[in-house]
PDB file of N, CA and C in Angstrom:
ATOM      1  N   UNK A   1      26.791  22.827   0.998  1.00  0.00           N
ATOM      2  CA  UNK A   1      27.385  21.707   1.694  1.00  0.00           C
ATOM      3  C   UNK A   1      26.307  20.656   1.934  1.00  0.00           C
ATOM      4  N   UNK A   2      26.597  19.425   1.571  1.00  0.00           N
ATOM      5  CA  UNK A   2      25.656  18.328   1.734  1.00  0.00           C
ATOM      6  C   UNK A   2      25.754  17.743   3.139  1.00  0.00           C
ATOM      7  N   UNK A   3      24.627  17.235   3.670  1.00  0.00           N
ATOM      8  CA  UNK A   3      24.682  16.583   4.981  1.00  0.00           C
ATOM      9  C   UNK A   3      25.492  15.295   4.887  1.00  0.00           C
ATOM     10  N   UNK A   4      26.007  14.813   6.020  1.00  0.00           N
ATOM     11  CA  UNK A   4      26.791  13.576   5.968  1.00  0.00           C
ATOM     12  C   UNK A   4      25.931  12.407   5.484  1.00  0.00           C
ATOM     13  N   UNK A   5      26.559  11.525   4.750  1.00  0.00           N
ATOM     14  CA  UNK A   5      25.835  10.376   4.208  1.00  0.00           C
ATOM     15  C   UNK A   5      25.541   9.392   5.330  1.00  0.00           C
ATOM     16  N   UNK A   6      24.306   8.896   5.354  1.00  0.00           N
ATOM     17  CA  UNK A   6      23.903   7.927   6.371  1.00  0.00           C
ATOM     18  C   UNK A   6      24.508   6.567   6.057  1.00  0.00           C
ATOM     19  N   UNK A   7      24.742   5.765   7.081  1.00  0.00           N
ATOM     20  CA  UNK A   7      25.207   4.405   6.805  1.00  0.00           C
ATOM     21  C   UNK A   7      24.097   3.629   6.090  1.00  0.00           C
ATOM     22  N   UNK A   8      24.451   2.625   5.336  1.00  0.00           N
ATOM     23  CA  UNK A   8      23.421   1.863   4.617  1.00  0.00           C
ATOM     24  C   UNK A   8      22.563   1.061   5.595  1.00  0.00           C
ATOM     25  N   UNK A   9      21.336   0.839   5.205  1.00  0.00           N
ATOM     26  CA  UNK A   9      20.467  -0.030   6.004  1.00  0.00           C
ATOM     27  C   UNK A   9      21.020  -1.449   5.962  1.00  0.00           C
ATOM     28  N   UNK A  10      20.904  -2.169   7.065  1.00  0.00           N
ATOM     29  CA  UNK A  10      21.316  -3.577   7.013  1.00  0.00           C
ATOM     30  C   UNK A  10      20.344  -4.368   6.131  1.00  0.00           C
ATOM     31  N   UNK A  11      20.773  -5.516   5.688  1.00  0.00           N
ATOM     32  CA  UNK A  11      19.909  -6.365   4.873  1.00  0.00           C
ATOM     33  C   UNK A  11      18.748  -6.859   5.721  1.00  0.00           C
ATOM     34  N   UNK A  12      17.541  -6.582   5.256  1.00  0.00           N
ATOM     35  CA  UNK A  12      16.329  -6.998   5.957  1.00  0.00           C
ATOM     36  C   UNK A  12      15.439  -7.758   4.990  1.00  0.00           C
ATOM     37  N   UNK A  13      14.655  -8.683   5.523  1.00  0.00           N
ATOM     38  CA  UNK A  13      13.618  -9.276   4.688  1.00  0.00           C
ATOM     39  C   UNK A  13      12.553  -8.215   4.453  1.00  0.00           C
ATOM     40  N   UNK A  14      11.725  -8.439   3.486  1.00  0.00           N
ATOM     41  CA  UNK A  14      10.641  -7.483   3.218  1.00  0.00           C
ATOM     42  C   UNK A  14       9.740  -7.348   4.453  1.00  0.00           C
ATOM     43  N   UNK A  15       9.490  -8.465   5.132  1.00  0.00           N
ATOM     44  CA  UNK A  15       8.641  -8.440   6.322  1.00  0.00           C
ATOM     45  C   UNK A  15       9.319  -7.666   7.462  1.00  0.00           C
ATOM     46  N   UNK A  16      10.636  -7.823   7.622  1.00  0.00           N
ATOM     47  CA  UNK A  16      11.354  -7.074   8.657  1.00  0.00           C
ATOM     48  C   UNK A  16      11.326  -5.574   8.354  1.00  0.00           C
ATOM     49  N   UNK A  17      11.502  -5.213   7.099  1.00  0.00           N
ATOM     50  CA  UNK A  17      11.450  -3.805   6.720  1.00  0.00           C
ATOM     51  C   UNK A  17      10.064  -3.230   6.996  1.00  0.00           C
ATOM     52  N   UNK A  18       9.042  -4.009   6.717  1.00  0.00           N
ATOM     53  CA  UNK A  18       7.669  -3.573   6.993  1.00  0.00           C
ATOM     54  C   UNK A  18       7.471  -3.390   8.500  1.00  0.00           C
ATOM     55  N   UNK A  19       7.995  -4.304   9.288  1.00  0.00           N
ATOM     56  CA  UNK A  19       7.898  -4.207  10.748  1.00  0.00           C
ATOM     57  C   UNK A  19       8.559  -2.922  11.244  1.00  0.00           C
ATOM     58  N   UNK A  20       9.762  -2.646  10.780  1.00  0.00           N
ATOM     59  CA  UNK A  20      10.488  -1.447  11.204  1.00  0.00           C
ATOM     60  C   UNK A  20       9.717  -0.188  10.797  1.00  0.00           C
ATOM     61  N   UNK A  21       9.226  -0.149   9.580  1.00  0.00           N
ATOM     62  CA  UNK A  21       8.477   1.026   9.120  1.00  0.00           C
ATOM     63  C   UNK A  21       7.210   1.243   9.933  1.00  0.00           C
ATOM     64  N   UNK A  22       6.448   0.173  10.160  1.00  0.00           N
ATOM     65  CA  UNK A  22       5.204   0.308  10.918  1.00  0.00           C
ATOM     66  C   UNK A  22       5.486   0.671  12.379  1.00  0.00           C
ATOM     67  N   UNK A  23       6.550   0.117  12.954  1.00  0.00           N
ATOM     68  CA  UNK A  23       6.926   0.437  14.331  1.00  0.00           C
ATOM     69  C   UNK A  23       7.240   1.929  14.462  1.00  0.00           C
ATOM     70  N   UNK A  24       8.027   2.452  13.542  1.00  0.00           N
ATOM     71  CA  UNK A  24       8.389   3.876  13.610  1.00  0.00           C
ATOM     72  C   UNK A  24       7.175   4.781  13.404  1.00  0.00           C
ATOM     73  N   UNK A  25       6.230   4.359  12.599  1.00  0.00           N
ATOM     74  CA  UNK A  25       5.003   5.145  12.452  1.00  0.00           C
ATOM     75  C   UNK A  25       4.250   5.223  13.778  1.00  0.00           C
ATOM     76  N   UNK A  26       4.169   4.104  14.483  1.00  0.00           N
ATOM     77  CA  UNK A  26       3.491   4.084  15.784  1.00  0.00           C
ATOM     78  C   UNK A  26       4.253   4.952  16.783  1.00  0.00           C
ATOM     79  N   UNK A  27       5.569   4.846  16.793  1.00  0.00           N
ATOM     80  CA  UNK A  27       6.386   5.668  17.697  1.00  0.00           C
ATOM     81  C   UNK A  27       6.177   7.153  17.415  1.00  0.00           C
ATOM     82  N   UNK A  28       6.157   7.527  16.152  1.00  0.00           N
ATOM     83  CA  UNK A  28       5.930   8.932  15.797  1.00  0.00           C
ATOM     84  C   UNK A  28       4.591   9.430  16.345  1.00  0.00           C
ATOM     85  N   UNK A  29       3.559   8.609  16.205  1.00  0.00           N
ATOM     86  CA  UNK A  29       2.244   9.015  16.704  1.00  0.00           C
ATOM     87  C   UNK A  29       2.227   9.092  18.225  1.00  0.00           C
ATOM     88  N   UNK A  30       2.851   8.130  18.892  1.00  0.00           N
ATOM     89  CA  UNK A  30       2.907   8.181  20.357  1.00  0.00           C
ATOM     90  C   UNK A  30       3.642   9.426  20.827  1.00  0.00           C
ATOM     91  N   UNK A  31       4.672   9.813  20.103  1.00  0.00           N
ATOM     92  CA  UNK A  31       5.386  11.037  20.439  1.00  0.00           C
ATOM     93  C   UNK A  31       4.510  12.273  20.314  1.00  0.00           C
ATOM     94  N   UNK A  32       3.631  12.273  19.319  1.00  0.00           N
ATOM     95  CA  UNK A  32       2.715  13.412  19.144  1.00  0.00           C
ATOM     96  C   UNK A  32       1.631  13.432  20.215  1.00  0.00           C
ATOM     97  N   UNK A  33       1.299  12.257  20.759  1.00  0.00           N
ATOM     98  CA  UNK A  33       0.258  12.153  21.780  1.00  0.00           C
ATOM     99  C   UNK A  33       0.804  12.468  23.167  1.00  0.00           C
ATOM    100  N   UNK A  34       2.094  12.259  23.392  1.00  0.00           N
ATOM    101  CA  UNK A  34       2.717  12.405  24.712  1.00  0.00           C
ATOM    102  C   UNK A  34       2.319  13.737  25.352  1.00  0.00           C
ATOM    103  N   UNK A  35       1.530  13.700  26.438  1.00  0.00           N
ATOM    104  CA  UNK A  35       1.068  14.964  27.033  1.00  0.00           C
ATOM    105  C   UNK A  35       2.195  15.780  27.659  1.00  0.00           C
ATOM    106  N   UNK A  36       3.304  15.154  27.964  1.00  0.00           N
ATOM    107  CA  UNK A  36       4.430  15.890  28.546  1.00  0.00           C
ATOM    108  C   UNK A  36       5.204  16.675  27.492  1.00  0.00           C
ATOM    109  N   UNK A  37       4.966  16.389  26.221  1.00  0.00           N
ATOM    110  CA  UNK A  37       5.698  17.073  25.154  1.00  0.00           C
ATOM    111  C   UNK A  37       4.786  17.801  24.165  1.00  0.00           C
ATOM    112  N   UNK A  38       3.487  17.567  24.244  1.00  0.00           N
ATOM    113  CA  UNK A  38       2.554  18.177  23.282  1.00  0.00           C
ATOM    114  C   UNK A  38       2.188  19.587  23.717  1.00  0.00           C
ATOM    115  N   UNK A  39       1.803  20.393  22.747  1.00  0.00           N
ATOM    116  CA  UNK A  39       1.379  21.757  23.029  1.00  0.00           C
ATOM    117  C   UNK A  39      -0.131  21.937  22.923  1.00  0.00           C
ATOM    118  N   UNK A  40      -0.787  21.116  22.078  1.00  0.00           N
ATOM    119  CA  UNK A  40      -2.213  21.305  21.821  1.00  0.00           C
ATOM    120  C   UNK A  40      -2.931  19.957  21.858  1.00  0.00           C
ATOM    121  N   UNK A  41      -4.178  19.975  22.277  1.00  0.00           N
ATOM    122  CA  UNK A  41      -4.952  18.734  22.345  1.00  0.00           C
ATOM    123  C   UNK A  41      -5.343  18.228  20.959  1.00  0.00           C
ATOM    124  N   UNK A  42      -5.566  19.138  20.008  1.00  0.00           N
ATOM    125  CA  UNK A  42      -6.053  18.709  18.702  1.00  0.00           C
ATOM    126  C   UNK A  42      -5.040  17.807  17.990  1.00  0.00           C
ATOM    127  N   UNK A  43      -3.771  18.173  18.039  1.00  0.00           N
ATOM    128  CA  UNK A  43      -2.741  17.329  17.411  1.00  0.00           C
ATOM    129  C   UNK A  43      -2.674  15.954  18.051  1.00  0.00           C
ATOM    130  N   UNK A  44      -2.796  15.914  19.375  1.00  0.00           N
ATOM    131  CA  UNK A  44      -2.810  14.630  20.078  1.00  0.00           C
ATOM    132  C   UNK A  44      -4.029  13.810  19.729  1.00  0.00           C
ATOM    133  N   UNK A  45      -5.158  14.473  19.603  1.00  0.00           N
ATOM    134  CA  UNK A  45      -6.391  13.779  19.223  1.00  0.00           C
ATOM    135  C   UNK A  45      -6.257  13.164  17.840  1.00  0.00           C
ATOM    136  N   UNK A  46      -5.756  13.916  16.892  1.00  0.00           N
ATOM    137  CA  UNK A  46      -5.581  13.403  15.527  1.00  0.00           C
ATOM    138  C   UNK A  46      -4.590  12.234  15.503  1.00  0.00           C
ATOM    139  N   UNK A  47      -3.517  12.353  16.271  1.00  0.00           N
ATOM    140  CA  UNK A  47      -2.532  11.271  16.331  1.00  0.00           C
ATOM    141  C   UNK A  47      -3.139  10.024  16.969  1.00  0.00           C
ATOM    142  N   UNK A  48      -3.937  10.208  18.014  1.00  0.00           N
ATOM    143  CA  UNK A  48      -4.579   9.064  18.673  1.00  0.00           C
ATOM    144  C   UNK A  48      -5.556   8.362  17.729  1.00  0.00           C
ATOM    145  N   UNK A  49      -6.258   9.137  16.926  1.00  0.00           N
ATOM    146  CA  UNK A  49      -7.171   8.542  15.954  1.00  0.00           C
ATOM    147  C   UNK A  49      -6.402   7.735  14.902  1.00  0.00           C
ATOM    148  N   UNK A  50      -5.277   8.247  14.473  1.00  0.00           N
ATOM    149  CA  UNK A  50      -4.464   7.555  13.464  1.00  0.00           C
ATOM    150  C   UNK A  50      -3.749   6.344  14.056  1.00  0.00           C
ATOM    151  N   UNK A  51      -3.523   6.366  15.361  1.00  0.00           N
ATOM    152  CA  UNK A  51      -2.784   5.292  16.021  1.00  0.00           C
ATOM    153  C   UNK A  51      -3.465   3.937  15.843  1.00  0.00           C
ATOM    154  N   UNK A  52      -4.768   3.912  15.851  1.00  0.00           N
ATOM    155  CA  UNK A  52      -5.503   2.651  15.700  1.00  0.00           C
ATOM    156  C   UNK A  52      -5.135   1.982  14.380  1.00  0.00           C
ATOM    157  N   UNK A  53      -5.157   2.735  13.313  1.00  0.00           N
ATOM    158  CA  UNK A  53      -4.834   2.193  11.984  1.00  0.00           C
ATOM    159  C   UNK A  53      -3.369   1.732  11.922  1.00  0.00           C
ATOM    160  N   UNK A  54      -2.464   2.548  12.458  1.00  0.00           N
ATOM    161  CA  UNK A  54      -1.039   2.208  12.395  1.00  0.00           C
ATOM    162  C   UNK A  54      -0.714   1.013  13.285  1.00  0.00           C
ATOM    163  N   UNK A  55      -1.367   0.914  14.442  1.00  0.00           N
ATOM    164  CA  UNK A  55      -1.140  -0.236  15.321  1.00  0.00           C
ATOM    165  C   UNK A  55      -1.649  -1.514  14.663  1.00  0.00           C
ATOM    166  N   UNK A  56      -2.734  -1.415  13.937  1.00  0.00           N
ATOM    167  CA  UNK A  56      -3.255  -2.570  13.197  1.00  0.00           C
ATOM    168  C   UNK A  56      -2.258  -2.989  12.116  1.00  0.00           C
ATOM    169  N   UNK A  57      -1.669  -2.028  11.437  1.00  0.00           N
ATOM    170  CA  UNK A  57      -0.671  -2.340  10.408  1.00  0.00           C
ATOM    171  C   UNK A  57       0.566  -2.979  11.032  1.00  0.00           C
ATOM    172  N   UNK A  58       0.957  -2.521  12.218  1.00  0.00           N
ATOM    173  CA  UNK A  58       2.092  -3.123  12.927  1.00  0.00           C
ATOM    174  C   UNK A  58       1.770  -4.562  13.308  1.00  0.00           C
ATOM    175  N   UNK A  59       0.568  -4.788  13.836  1.00  0.00           N
ATOM    176  CA  UNK A  59       0.149  -6.148  14.165  1.00  0.00           C
ATOM    177  C   UNK A  59       0.167  -7.036  12.927  1.00  0.00           C
ATOM    178  N   UNK A  60      -0.327  -6.514  11.809  1.00  0.00           N
ATOM    179  CA  UNK A  60      -0.368  -7.300  10.576  1.00  0.00           C
ATOM    180  C   UNK A  60       1.038  -7.640  10.086  1.00  0.00           C
ATOM    181  N   UNK A  61       1.983  -6.715  10.247  1.00  0.00           N
ATOM    182  CA  UNK A  61       3.373  -6.992   9.839  1.00  0.00           C
ATOM    183  C   UNK A  61       3.957  -8.126  10.679  1.00  0.00           C
ATOM    184  N   UNK A  62       3.693  -8.098  11.974  1.00  0.00           N
ATOM    185  CA  UNK A  62       4.178  -9.172  12.842  1.00  0.00           C
ATOM    186  C   UNK A  62       3.476 -10.495  12.541  1.00  0.00           C
ATOM    187  N   UNK A  63       2.179 -10.449  12.272  1.00  0.00           N
ATOM    188  CA  UNK A  63       1.431 -11.663  11.947  1.00  0.00           C
ATOM    189  C   UNK A  63       1.949 -12.282  10.646  1.00  0.00           C
ATOM    190  N   UNK A  64       2.275 -11.441   9.667  1.00  0.00           N
ATOM    191  CA  UNK A  64       2.810 -11.940   8.402  1.00  0.00           C
ATOM    192  C   UNK A  64       4.160 -12.616   8.625  1.00  0.00           C
ATOM    193  N   UNK A  65       5.014 -11.989   9.435  1.00  0.00           N
ATOM    194  CA  UNK A  65       6.303 -12.610   9.741  1.00  0.00           C
ATOM    195  C   UNK A  65       6.094 -13.977  10.382  1.00  0.00           C
ATOM    196  N   UNK A  66       5.193 -14.035  11.330  1.00  0.00           N
ATOM    197  CA  UNK A  66       4.925 -15.296  12.032  1.00  0.00           C
ATOM    198  C   UNK A  66       4.376 -16.347  11.064  1.00  0.00           C
ATOM    199  N   UNK A  67       3.452 -15.947  10.211  1.00  0.00           N
ATOM    200  CA  UNK A  67       2.863 -16.878   9.250  1.00  0.00           C
ATOM    201  C   UNK A  67       3.896 -17.408   8.256  1.00  0.00           C
ATOM    202  N   UNK A  68       4.893 -16.591   7.945  1.00  0.00           N
ATOM    203  CA  UNK A  68       5.946 -17.009   7.013  1.00  0.00           C
ATOM    204  C   UNK A  68       7.030 -17.843   7.687  1.00  0.00           C
ATOM    205  N   UNK A  69       6.882 -18.059   8.974  1.00  0.00           N
ATOM    206  CA  UNK A  69       7.879 -18.855   9.692  1.00  0.00           C
ATOM    207  C   UNK A  69       9.031 -18.036  10.228  1.00  0.00           C
ATOM    208  N   UNK A  70       8.951 -16.720  10.134  1.00  0.00           N
ATOM    209  CA  UNK A  70       9.985 -15.850  10.701  1.00  0.00           C
ATOM    210  C   UNK A  70       9.645 -15.667  12.180  1.00  0.00           C
ATOM    211  N   UNK A  71      10.067 -16.634  12.986  1.00  0.00           N
ATOM    212  CA  UNK A  71       9.655 -16.642  14.393  1.00  0.00           C
ATOM    213  C   UNK A  71      10.619 -15.894  15.305  1.00  0.00           C
ATOM    214  N   UNK A  72      11.795 -15.547  14.813  1.00  0.00           N
ATOM    215  CA  UNK A  72      12.783 -14.847  15.632  1.00  0.00           C
ATOM    216  C   UNK A  72      13.001 -13.442  15.104  1.00  0.00           C
ATOM    217  N   UNK A  73      13.160 -12.512  16.045  1.00  0.00           N
ATOM    218  CA  UNK A  73      13.540 -11.151  15.682  1.00  0.00           C
ATOM    219  C   UNK A  73      15.046 -11.013  15.904  1.00  0.00           C
ATOM    220  N   UNK A  74      15.737 -10.482  14.962  1.00  0.00           N
ATOM    221  CA  UNK A  74      17.173 -10.277  15.059  1.00  0.00           C
ATOM    222  C   UNK A  74      17.410  -8.858  15.568  1.00  0.00           C
ATOM    223  N   UNK A  75      17.425  -8.735  16.891  1.00  0.00           N
ATOM    224  CA  UNK A  75      17.446  -7.444  17.559  1.00  0.00           C
ATOM    225  C   UNK A  75      18.577  -6.527  17.138  1.00  0.00           C
ATOM    226  N   UNK A  76      19.787  -7.065  17.030  1.00  0.00           N
ATOM    227  CA  UNK A  76      20.931  -6.227  16.641  1.00  0.00           C
ATOM    228  C   UNK A  76      20.733  -5.613  15.262  1.00  0.00           C
ATOM    229  N   UNK A  77      20.305  -6.432  14.325  1.00  0.00           N
ATOM    230  CA  UNK A  77      20.100  -5.964  12.955  1.00  0.00           C
ATOM    231  C   UNK A  77      18.962  -4.953  12.897  1.00  0.00           C
ATOM    232  N   UNK A  78      17.874  -5.256  13.581  1.00  0.00           N
ATOM    233  CA  UNK A  78      16.730  -4.346  13.573  1.00  0.00           C
ATOM    234  C   UNK A  78      17.073  -3.037  14.287  1.00  0.00           C
ATOM    235  N   UNK A  79      17.867  -3.108  15.341  1.00  0.00           N
ATOM    236  CA  UNK A  79      18.297  -1.883  16.036  1.00  0.00           C
ATOM    237  C   UNK A  79      19.152  -1.015  15.114  1.00  0.00           C
ATOM    238  N   UNK A  80      20.039  -1.642  14.327  1.00  0.00           N
ATOM    239  CA  UNK A  80      20.836  -0.864  13.368  1.00  0.00           C
ATOM    240  C   UNK A  80      19.942  -0.163  12.363  1.00  0.00           C
ATOM    241  N   UNK A  81      18.932  -0.883  11.873  1.00  0.00           N
ATOM    242  CA  UNK A  81      18.005  -0.275  10.916  1.00  0.00           C
ATOM    243  C   UNK A  81      17.253   0.887  11.563  1.00  0.00           C
ATOM    244  N   UNK A  82      16.815   0.720  12.798  1.00  0.00           N
ATOM    245  CA  UNK A  82      16.105   1.793  13.495  1.00  0.00           C
ATOM    246  C   UNK A  82      17.000   3.010  13.681  1.00  0.00           C
ATOM    247  N   UNK A  83      18.267   2.788  13.993  1.00  0.00           N
ATOM    248  CA  UNK A  83      19.191   3.916  14.164  1.00  0.00           C
ATOM    249  C   UNK A  83      19.403   4.670  12.853  1.00  0.00           C
ATOM    250  N   UNK A  84      19.565   3.935  11.757  1.00  0.00           N
ATOM    251  CA  UNK A  84      19.750   4.583  10.451  1.00  0.00           C
ATOM    252  C   UNK A  84      18.523   5.425  10.111  1.00  0.00           C
ATOM    253  N   UNK A  85      17.349   4.960  10.514  1.00  0.00           N
ATOM    254  CA  UNK A  85      16.104   5.667  10.212  1.00  0.00           C
ATOM    255  C   UNK A  85      15.732   6.673  11.294  1.00  0.00           C
ATOM    256  N   UNK A  86      16.702   7.066  12.112  1.00  0.00           N
ATOM    257  CA  UNK A  86      16.522   8.105  13.125  1.00  0.00           C
ATOM    258  C   UNK A  86      15.581   7.677  14.240  1.00  0.00           C
ATOM    259  N   UNK A  87      15.554   6.384  14.527  1.00  0.00           N
ATOM    260  CA  UNK A  87      14.658   5.855  15.543  1.00  0.00           C
ATOM    261  C   UNK A  87      14.932   6.361  16.942  1.00  0.00           C
ATOM    262  N   UNK A  88      16.192   6.635  17.264  1.00  0.00           N
ATOM    263  CA  UNK A  88      16.502   7.131  18.610  1.00  0.00           C
ATOM    264  C   UNK A  88      15.851   8.485  18.857  1.00  0.00           C
ATOM    265  N   UNK A  89      15.985   9.393  17.913  1.00  0.00           N
ATOM    266  CA  UNK A  89      15.368  10.713  18.076  1.00  0.00           C
ATOM    267  C   UNK A  89      13.850  10.599  18.098  1.00  0.00           C
ATOM    268  N   UNK A  90      13.318   9.766  17.226  1.00  0.00           N
ATOM    269  CA  UNK A  90      11.868   9.618  17.133  1.00  0.00           C
ATOM    270  C   UNK A  90      11.298   8.989  18.403  1.00  0.00           C
ATOM    271  N   UNK A  91      11.981   8.007  18.963  1.00  0.00           N
ATOM    272  CA  UNK A  91      11.510   7.360  20.189  1.00  0.00           C
ATOM    273  C   UNK A  91      11.684   8.265  21.400  1.00  0.00           C
ATOM    274  N   UNK A  92      12.630   9.176  21.342  1.00  0.00           N
ATOM    275  CA  UNK A  92      12.878  10.090  22.463  1.00  0.00           C
ATOM    276  C   UNK A  92      11.635  10.921  22.785  1.00  0.00           C
ATOM    277  N   UNK A  93      10.835  11.236  21.787  1.00  0.00           N
ATOM    278  CA  UNK A  93       9.621  12.034  22.011  1.00  0.00           C
ATOM    279  C   UNK A  93       8.585  11.303  22.850  1.00  0.00           C
ATOM    280  N   UNK A  94       8.713   9.966  22.940  1.00  0.00           N
ATOM    281  CA  UNK A  94       7.752   9.171  23.714  1.00  0.00           C
ATOM    282  C   UNK A  94       8.076   9.258  25.210  1.00  0.00           C
ATOM    283  N   UNK A  95       9.312   9.559  25.544  1.00  0.00           N
ATOM    284  CA  UNK A  95       9.731   9.587  26.942  1.00  0.00           C
ATOM    285  C   UNK A  95       9.378  10.914  27.605  1.00  0.00           C
ATOM    286  N   UNK A  96       9.495  10.944  28.929  1.00  0.00           N
ATOM    287  CA  UNK A  96       9.285  12.186  29.665  1.00  0.00           C
ATOM    288  C   UNK A  96      10.473  13.108  29.477  1.00  0.00           C
ATOM    289  N   UNK A  97      10.235  14.409  29.397  1.00  0.00           N
ATOM    290  CA  UNK A  97      11.362  15.344  29.342  1.00  0.00           C
ATOM    291  C   UNK A  97      12.067  15.366  30.699  1.00  0.00           C
ATOM    292  N   UNK A  98      13.323  15.793  30.716  1.00  0.00           N
ATOM    293  CA  UNK A  98      14.041  15.849  31.987  1.00  0.00           C
ATOM    294  C   UNK A  98      13.304  16.766  32.973  1.00  0.00           C
ATOM    295  N   UNK A  99      13.398  16.416  34.234  1.00  0.00           N
ATOM    296  CA  UNK A  99      12.782  17.241  35.272  1.00  0.00           C
ATOM    297  C   UNK A  99      13.514  18.580  35.350  1.00  0.00           C
ATOM    298  N   UNK A 100      12.766  19.646  35.564  1.00  0.00           N
ATOM    299  CA  UNK A 100      13.431  20.958  35.672  1.00  0.00           C
ATOM    300  C   UNK A 100      14.310  21.015  36.938  1.00  0.00           C
ATOM    301  N   UNK A 101      15.443  21.634  36.796  1.00  0.00           N
ATOM    302  CA  UNK A 101      16.325  21.803  37.949  1.00  0.00           C
ATOM    303  C   UNK A 101      16.014  23.137  38.593  1.00  0.00           C
ATOM    304  N   UNK A 102      15.863  23.110  39.919  1.00  0.00           N
ATOM    305  CA  UNK A 102      15.564  24.376  40.580  1.00  0.00           C
ATOM    306  C   UNK A 102      16.541  24.705  41.654  1.00  0.00           C
TER     307      UNK A 102
END
């Protein structure tokens, strides 16, 4: 049995697609660093080291958009793209886990 087919990505400029990809890479690393969800320091350390490079790539994607005159972000469209790329689950790792009920 095949998994359900994902909805298609919305139409994005190349720069918008680069922004979304670089943003999700940073989110993934922040999720690995999150001390409330991590199990080991070494994985967090490696993610923190990689974060510098990925954050620079995210900055460069935004700078390229700005230089090309793409001064507005189309939030609805970009949010749809993030959802198709599993951004909600990936960003969830950055948040605190629910407090234990006692």
